[in-house]
N, C-alpha and C. Protein backbone atom coordinates (compact mmCIF):
# COMPACT_ATOMS: atom_id res chain seq x y z
N MET A 1 26.36 1.05 22.05
CA MET A 1 25.62 -0.10 21.29
C MET A 1 25.81 -1.07 21.61
N GLY A 2 24.77 -2.13 22.01
CA GLY A 2 24.85 -3.66 23.16
C GLY A 2 25.45 -4.41 21.94
N ASN A 3 25.85 -5.00 22.89
CA ASN A 3 26.62 -6.75 22.11
C ASN A 3 25.95 -7.66 21.45
N MET A 4 25.97 -7.36 20.05
CA MET A 4 25.11 -8.36 18.89
C MET A 4 25.54 -9.67 18.77
N THR A 5 26.18 -10.26 19.44
CA THR A 5 26.44 -12.24 19.86
C THR A 5 26.04 -12.22 21.26
N THR A 6 24.74 -11.98 21.67
CA THR A 6 24.12 -12.42 22.57
C THR A 6 23.74 -14.29 22.27
N LYS A 7 23.90 -14.76 23.29
CA LYS A 7 23.75 -16.28 23.41
C LYS A 7 22.19 -16.62 23.45
N ARG A 8 21.50 -15.80 24.11
CA ARG A 8 19.78 -15.99 24.24
C ARG A 8 19.19 -16.19 22.71
N PRO A 9 18.24 -17.29 22.63
CA PRO A 9 17.91 -17.47 21.63
C PRO A 9 16.94 -16.58 21.24
N ARG A 10 16.66 -16.19 20.25
CA ARG A 10 15.67 -15.32 19.48
C ARG A 10 14.47 -16.03 18.91
N LYS A 11 13.32 -14.65 19.46
CA LYS A 11 11.76 -15.74 18.71
C LYS A 11 11.98 -14.79 17.15
N THR A 12 11.98 -15.39 16.10
CA THR A 12 11.93 -14.80 15.41
C THR A 12 9.96 -14.64 14.74
N PRO A 13 9.89 -13.96 14.51
CA PRO A 13 7.98 -13.46 14.27
C PRO A 13 7.87 -14.25 13.09
N LYS A 14 6.51 -14.97 12.70
CA LYS A 14 6.18 -15.25 11.90
C LYS A 14 6.21 -14.43 10.37
N GLN A 15 5.68 -13.56 10.75
CA GLN A 15 5.44 -12.30 9.42
C GLN A 15 6.47 -11.07 10.07
N ILE A 16 7.04 -10.42 9.60
CA ILE A 16 8.22 -9.34 9.66
C ILE A 16 6.90 -7.66 9.89
N LEU A 17 6.18 -7.63 8.54
CA LEU A 17 5.60 -6.19 8.71
C LEU A 17 4.20 -7.03 9.68
N ASN A 18 3.23 -5.95 10.02
CA ASN A 18 2.02 -5.91 10.39
C ASN A 18 1.57 -5.15 10.63
N TRP A 19 1.76 -3.48 10.09
CA TRP A 19 1.42 -2.52 10.15
C TRP A 19 2.03 -1.22 8.99
N PHE A 20 0.72 -0.86 8.24
CA PHE A 20 1.52 -0.15 7.11
C PHE A 20 0.45 1.21 7.38
N GLU A 21 1.51 2.35 6.65
CA GLU A 21 0.64 3.76 6.61
C GLU A 21 1.17 4.11 5.42
N ILE A 22 -0.01 4.64 4.44
CA ILE A 22 0.42 5.42 3.19
C ILE A 22 0.01 6.60 3.16
N PRO A 23 1.22 7.95 3.24
CA PRO A 23 0.60 9.15 3.79
C PRO A 23 -0.46 10.05 2.96
N VAL A 24 -1.23 10.83 3.19
CA VAL A 24 -2.14 11.63 1.90
C VAL A 24 -2.26 12.94 2.33
N LEU A 25 -2.10 13.30 1.13
CA LEU A 25 -2.17 15.23 1.42
C LEU A 25 -3.82 15.12 1.54
N ASP A 26 -4.80 14.54 0.82
CA ASP A 26 -5.94 15.04 0.83
C ASP A 26 -6.89 13.25 1.29
N ILE A 27 -7.44 13.26 2.25
CA ILE A 27 -7.86 12.05 2.93
C ILE A 27 -9.24 11.65 1.22
N LYS A 28 -9.58 12.36 1.78
CA LYS A 28 -11.22 12.28 0.80
C LYS A 28 -10.78 11.24 -0.69
N ARG A 29 -9.68 12.57 -1.13
CA ARG A 29 -9.40 12.15 -2.64
C ARG A 29 -8.58 10.89 -2.63
N ALA A 30 -7.83 10.57 -1.43
CA ALA A 30 -7.24 9.38 -1.79
C ALA A 30 -8.39 8.04 -1.37
N VAL A 31 -8.91 8.01 -0.27
CA VAL A 31 -9.96 7.24 -0.09
C VAL A 31 -10.93 6.57 -1.58
N SER A 32 -11.39 8.04 -1.73
CA SER A 32 -12.01 7.29 -3.17
C SER A 32 -11.33 6.95 -4.37
N PHE A 33 -9.65 7.27 -4.53
CA PHE A 33 -8.91 6.47 -5.66
C PHE A 33 -8.75 5.08 -4.68
N PHE A 34 -8.67 4.57 -3.74
CA PHE A 34 -8.76 3.06 -3.61
C PHE A 34 -9.93 3.18 -3.66
N ASN A 35 -10.85 2.74 -3.16
CA ASN A 35 -12.53 3.04 -3.22
C ASN A 35 -12.54 2.26 -4.50
N TYR A 36 -11.92 3.16 -5.31
CA TYR A 36 -12.27 3.10 -7.05
C TYR A 36 -12.07 1.64 -7.30
N VAL A 37 -10.42 1.72 -7.11
CA VAL A 37 -9.38 0.41 -7.18
C VAL A 37 -9.57 -0.79 -7.17
N TYR A 38 -10.46 -0.58 -5.88
CA TYR A 38 -10.71 -2.22 -5.20
C TYR A 38 -11.39 -2.77 -5.27
N GLY A 39 -12.77 -1.58 -5.19
CA GLY A 39 -14.11 -1.80 -5.19
C GLY A 39 -14.79 -2.09 -4.02
N MET A 40 -14.22 -0.94 -2.60
CA MET A 40 -14.32 -1.43 -1.55
C MET A 40 -14.95 0.11 -0.70
N LYS A 41 -15.22 -0.13 0.46
CA LYS A 41 -15.66 1.16 1.05
C LYS A 41 -14.64 1.31 2.33
N MET A 42 -14.06 2.20 2.15
CA MET A 42 -13.17 2.56 3.70
C MET A 42 -13.73 3.38 4.20
N GLU A 43 -13.09 3.55 5.47
CA GLU A 43 -14.27 4.77 6.76
C GLU A 43 -13.49 5.91 6.91
N ILE A 44 -13.64 6.74 7.38
CA ILE A 44 -12.51 7.94 7.48
C ILE A 44 -12.96 7.72 9.05
N THR A 45 -11.91 7.97 9.50
CA THR A 45 -11.38 8.60 11.05
C THR A 45 -10.81 10.34 10.96
N GLU A 46 -11.86 10.92 11.28
CA GLU A 46 -10.85 12.41 11.31
C GLU A 46 -11.28 13.31 12.56
N LEU A 47 -10.02 13.83 12.43
CA LEU A 47 -9.53 14.92 13.86
C LEU A 47 -8.92 16.11 13.55
N PRO A 48 -8.83 17.00 13.70
CA PRO A 48 -8.38 18.17 13.43
C PRO A 48 -7.10 17.95 12.95
N GLU A 49 -6.04 17.42 13.23
CA GLU A 49 -5.12 17.25 13.07
C GLU A 49 -5.34 16.16 12.71
N TYR A 50 -5.51 15.28 12.35
CA TYR A 50 -4.81 13.82 12.11
C TYR A 50 -6.09 12.92 11.32
N ALA A 51 -6.00 12.16 9.67
CA ALA A 51 -7.11 11.46 9.94
C ALA A 51 -6.64 10.26 9.28
N MET A 52 -7.39 8.96 9.44
CA MET A 52 -6.84 8.28 9.31
C MET A 52 -8.33 6.91 8.35
N ALA A 53 -8.12 6.29 7.47
CA ALA A 53 -8.77 5.01 6.74
C ALA A 53 -8.03 4.20 6.76
N PRO A 54 -8.60 3.25 7.37
CA PRO A 54 -8.35 1.60 7.45
C PRO A 54 -8.45 1.23 6.67
N PHE A 55 -7.48 0.14 5.54
CA PHE A 55 -7.88 -0.78 4.72
C PHE A 55 -8.50 -1.46 5.43
N PRO A 56 -9.81 -2.66 4.19
CA PRO A 56 -10.28 -3.79 5.27
C PRO A 56 -9.10 -5.09 5.67
N GLU A 57 -9.33 -5.61 6.54
CA GLU A 57 -8.37 -6.44 6.78
C GLU A 57 -8.97 -7.55 7.59
N SER A 58 -8.75 -8.61 7.35
CA SER A 58 -9.37 -9.87 7.91
C SER A 58 -8.05 -10.98 8.96
N THR A 59 -7.05 -10.88 7.90
CA THR A 59 -6.15 -12.01 8.51
C THR A 59 -4.79 -10.85 8.05
N GLY A 60 -3.47 -11.53 8.82
CA GLY A 60 -2.80 -10.54 8.35
C GLY A 60 -2.24 -9.19 8.58
N VAL A 61 -1.67 -8.76 7.71
CA VAL A 61 -1.41 -7.24 7.82
C VAL A 61 -2.24 -6.32 7.53
N GLY A 62 -2.36 -5.34 8.45
CA GLY A 62 -3.41 -4.62 8.09
C GLY A 62 -2.72 -3.00 7.92
N GLY A 63 -3.47 -2.08 7.40
CA GLY A 63 -2.57 -0.98 7.42
C GLY A 63 -4.00 0.06 7.03
N ALA A 64 -3.36 1.47 6.75
CA ALA A 64 -4.48 2.80 6.42
C ALA A 64 -3.57 3.90 5.84
N LEU A 65 -4.90 4.57 4.97
CA LEU A 65 -3.76 5.90 4.50
C LEU A 65 -4.82 6.80 5.70
N VAL A 66 -3.45 7.74 5.66
CA VAL A 66 -2.96 8.77 6.68
C VAL A 66 -2.46 10.18 6.62
N ARG A 67 -3.78 11.18 7.14
CA ARG A 67 -3.16 12.51 7.24
C ARG A 67 -2.63 13.22 7.97
N GLY A 68 -1.53 13.46 8.62
CA GLY A 68 -1.62 14.61 9.19
C GLY A 68 -0.45 14.95 9.25
N GLN A 69 0.97 15.49 10.33
CA GLN A 69 1.62 15.61 10.53
C GLN A 69 2.64 14.77 9.97
N GLY A 70 4.13 15.17 9.75
CA GLY A 70 4.41 13.89 9.06
C GLY A 70 4.54 13.11 7.59
N CYS A 71 2.75 13.26 7.31
CA CYS A 71 2.94 12.38 6.97
C CYS A 71 2.57 12.91 5.26
N VAL A 72 4.17 12.41 4.58
CA VAL A 72 4.51 13.12 3.29
C VAL A 72 4.41 11.80 1.94
N PRO A 73 3.26 12.20 1.05
CA PRO A 73 3.30 11.21 0.07
C PRO A 73 4.83 11.51 -0.42
N SER A 74 5.34 10.31 -1.18
CA SER A 74 6.49 10.29 -1.66
C SER A 74 6.70 9.30 -3.37
N GLU A 75 7.29 9.50 -4.20
CA GLU A 75 7.73 8.64 -5.10
C GLU A 75 9.35 7.68 -5.15
N SER A 76 9.43 8.10 -4.07
CA SER A 76 10.81 7.38 -3.69
C SER A 76 11.09 6.61 -2.33
N GLY A 77 11.63 5.92 -1.64
CA GLY A 77 11.78 5.25 -0.68
C GLY A 77 10.87 3.55 -0.96
N ALA A 78 10.62 3.33 0.84
CA ALA A 78 9.91 1.72 0.82
C ALA A 78 9.02 1.57 -0.34
N LEU A 79 8.93 0.85 -0.77
CA LEU A 79 7.86 0.32 -1.94
C LEU A 79 7.18 -0.80 -1.56
N LEU A 80 5.98 -0.45 -1.08
CA LEU A 80 4.57 -1.35 -0.69
C LEU A 80 4.10 -1.66 -1.87
N TYR A 81 4.10 -3.65 -1.92
CA TYR A 81 3.39 -4.28 -2.82
C TYR A 81 2.17 -4.24 -2.32
N LEU A 82 1.06 -4.25 -2.76
CA LEU A 82 -0.52 -4.15 -2.63
C LEU A 82 -0.86 -5.45 -3.47
N ASN A 83 -1.81 -6.27 -2.80
CA ASN A 83 -2.39 -7.31 -3.72
C ASN A 83 -2.96 -6.74 -4.92
N ALA A 84 -3.03 -7.22 -5.86
CA ALA A 84 -3.88 -7.13 -7.15
C ALA A 84 -4.97 -8.16 -7.30
N THR A 85 -6.07 -7.98 -6.24
CA THR A 85 -6.87 -8.95 -6.27
C THR A 85 -7.77 -9.38 -7.56
N GLU A 86 -7.64 -8.67 -8.51
CA GLU A 86 -8.42 -8.88 -9.46
C GLU A 86 -7.55 -9.32 -10.71
N ASN A 87 -7.86 -9.12 -11.65
CA ASN A 87 -7.05 -9.08 -12.99
C ASN A 87 -6.24 -7.83 -12.80
N MET A 88 -4.35 -8.27 -12.80
CA MET A 88 -4.09 -7.41 -12.70
C MET A 88 -4.19 -5.75 -13.77
N ASP A 89 -4.61 -6.42 -15.35
CA ASP A 89 -4.85 -5.37 -16.73
C ASP A 89 -6.07 -4.27 -16.14
N ILE A 90 -7.31 -5.01 -15.35
CA ILE A 90 -8.12 -4.00 -15.15
C ILE A 90 -8.08 -3.42 -13.66
N MET A 91 -7.10 -4.26 -12.78
CA MET A 91 -6.64 -2.67 -11.86
C MET A 91 -5.95 -1.40 -12.27
N LEU A 92 -5.14 -1.95 -13.15
CA LEU A 92 -4.54 -0.74 -14.20
C LEU A 92 -5.42 0.64 -14.36
N THR A 93 -6.30 -0.31 -14.93
CA THR A 93 -7.08 0.86 -15.96
C THR A 93 -7.83 1.25 -14.90
N ARG A 94 -8.08 0.88 -13.53
CA ARG A 94 -8.85 1.61 -12.57
C ARG A 94 -8.41 2.49 -11.96
N VAL A 95 -6.97 2.51 -11.75
CA VAL A 95 -5.81 3.08 -11.12
C VAL A 95 -5.58 4.74 -11.89
N LYS A 96 -5.86 4.05 -13.57
CA LYS A 96 -5.86 5.59 -14.12
C LYS A 96 -7.19 6.45 -14.39
N GLU A 97 -7.76 5.71 -14.18
CA GLU A 97 -9.50 5.83 -14.65
C GLU A 97 -9.83 6.94 -12.90
N ALA A 98 -9.55 6.68 -12.16
CA ALA A 98 -9.06 6.93 -10.47
C ALA A 98 -8.33 8.41 -10.49
N GLY A 99 -7.68 8.59 -11.43
CA GLY A 99 -6.47 9.57 -11.61
C GLY A 99 -4.81 9.43 -10.94
N GLY A 100 -4.56 8.48 -10.84
CA GLY A 100 -3.25 7.61 -10.77
C GLY A 100 -2.39 7.45 -11.89
N ARG A 101 -1.04 7.06 -12.04
CA ARG A 101 -0.45 7.29 -13.00
C ARG A 101 0.31 5.76 -13.11
N VAL A 102 0.33 5.10 -14.25
CA VAL A 102 0.67 3.75 -14.33
C VAL A 102 2.12 4.28 -15.25
N ILE A 103 3.36 3.38 -13.93
CA ILE A 103 5.23 4.07 -14.03
C ILE A 103 5.82 2.59 -14.65
N MET A 104 4.98 1.49 -14.56
CA MET A 104 5.39 0.35 -15.24
C MET A 104 4.19 -0.84 -15.32
N GLY A 105 4.23 -1.38 -15.98
CA GLY A 105 2.75 -2.06 -16.47
C GLY A 105 2.76 -3.59 -15.69
N LYS A 106 2.36 -4.89 -15.89
CA LYS A 106 1.95 -5.81 -15.70
C LYS A 106 3.56 -6.15 -16.06
N THR A 107 4.37 -7.20 -15.71
CA THR A 107 5.93 -7.62 -15.51
C THR A 107 5.95 -8.74 -14.63
N GLU A 108 6.19 -9.72 -15.86
CA GLU A 108 6.59 -10.84 -15.21
C GLU A 108 7.75 -10.88 -14.27
N ILE A 109 7.60 -11.67 -13.13
CA ILE A 109 8.98 -11.44 -12.04
C ILE A 109 9.69 -13.64 -12.60
N ALA A 110 10.93 -13.13 -12.69
CA ALA A 110 11.40 -14.53 -12.50
C ALA A 110 11.29 -15.63 -11.66
N GLY A 111 11.01 -16.60 -12.39
CA GLY A 111 10.77 -17.71 -11.37
C GLY A 111 9.07 -18.21 -11.39
N ASP A 112 8.61 -18.45 -10.24
CA ASP A 112 7.22 -18.81 -10.35
C ASP A 112 6.73 -17.65 -8.69
N SER A 113 7.37 -16.37 -9.17
CA SER A 113 6.86 -15.01 -8.13
C SER A 113 5.86 -15.01 -8.75
N GLY A 114 5.29 -14.89 -9.75
CA GLY A 114 3.77 -14.06 -10.13
C GLY A 114 4.71 -12.69 -10.93
N PHE A 115 3.79 -11.66 -11.35
CA PHE A 115 3.38 -10.41 -11.69
C PHE A 115 3.99 -8.90 -10.46
N PHE A 116 3.92 -8.27 -11.16
CA PHE A 116 4.01 -7.00 -10.62
C PHE A 116 3.91 -5.65 -11.23
N SER A 117 3.57 -4.51 -10.75
CA SER A 117 3.61 -3.23 -12.08
C SER A 117 3.48 -2.36 -11.09
N LEU A 118 4.09 -1.09 -11.02
CA LEU A 118 4.24 -0.06 -10.27
C LEU A 118 3.16 1.30 -10.76
N PHE A 119 2.97 2.00 -9.71
CA PHE A 119 1.86 3.03 -10.45
C PHE A 119 2.21 4.44 -8.78
N VAL A 120 1.97 5.38 -9.43
CA VAL A 120 1.91 6.47 -8.46
C VAL A 120 0.23 6.61 -8.24
N ASP A 121 -0.08 6.90 -7.02
CA ASP A 121 -2.06 7.17 -6.48
C ASP A 121 -1.89 8.57 -6.74
N THR A 122 -3.20 9.15 -6.46
CA THR A 122 -3.19 10.43 -6.27
C THR A 122 -2.27 11.65 -5.31
N GLU A 123 -2.19 10.95 -4.23
CA GLU A 123 -1.08 11.49 -3.48
C GLU A 123 0.26 11.65 -3.51
N GLY A 124 0.39 10.88 -4.79
CA GLY A 124 1.76 11.03 -5.32
C GLY A 124 3.23 10.29 -4.50
N ASN A 125 2.11 9.24 -4.05
CA ASN A 125 2.76 7.95 -3.88
C ASN A 125 3.56 6.37 -4.95
N ARG A 126 4.26 5.90 -5.00
CA ARG A 126 4.70 5.32 -5.52
C ARG A 126 4.01 3.98 -4.97
N LEU A 127 3.59 2.86 -5.42
CA LEU A 127 3.06 1.65 -4.50
C LEU A 127 3.23 0.55 -5.88
N ALA A 128 3.06 -0.50 -5.61
CA ALA A 128 2.78 -1.37 -6.32
C ALA A 128 1.87 -2.29 -6.32
N LEU A 129 1.34 -3.17 -7.41
CA LEU A 129 -0.17 -4.27 -7.55
C LEU A 129 1.33 -5.88 -7.74
N HIS A 130 0.47 -6.84 -6.73
CA HIS A 130 1.66 -7.98 -7.04
C HIS A 130 0.53 -9.15 -7.20
N SER A 131 0.74 -9.89 -8.02
CA SER A 131 -0.78 -11.20 -8.50
C SER A 131 0.45 -12.51 -9.22
N ASN A 132 0.21 -13.25 -8.44
CA ASN A 132 0.19 -14.55 -8.80
C ASN A 132 0.43 -15.41 -9.98
N GLN A 133 -0.63 -14.09 -11.06
CA GLN A 133 -1.53 -14.86 -12.44
C GLN A 133 -1.48 -13.54 -12.87
């Protein structure tokens, strides 16, 4: 283990997170789920042992749905907060209609931090939605 008290100044990144991957078992089912919830069209790149469907991104953090070795959906572990781009109640209705499960409805966060909700997607991943209103 190195010396943790080096004198060199460190450059702090503006943003810690720059890419995320949501593991899936059935890439087509997962893409259909997120396309429905967000009203978008994700494209799948599929290889024999691996498949990926990137989320649309113009600035900021990018991410994708990923199927392949080691990609195991989970209701435990790190929690990813996705942007509730529309009315959160409408998005939670879409989650249910698309085969997901809402495990915590729209909940206010203390202060001026907005609202969040928790859901499980069709693949078994526990995820969150966040909005300022």
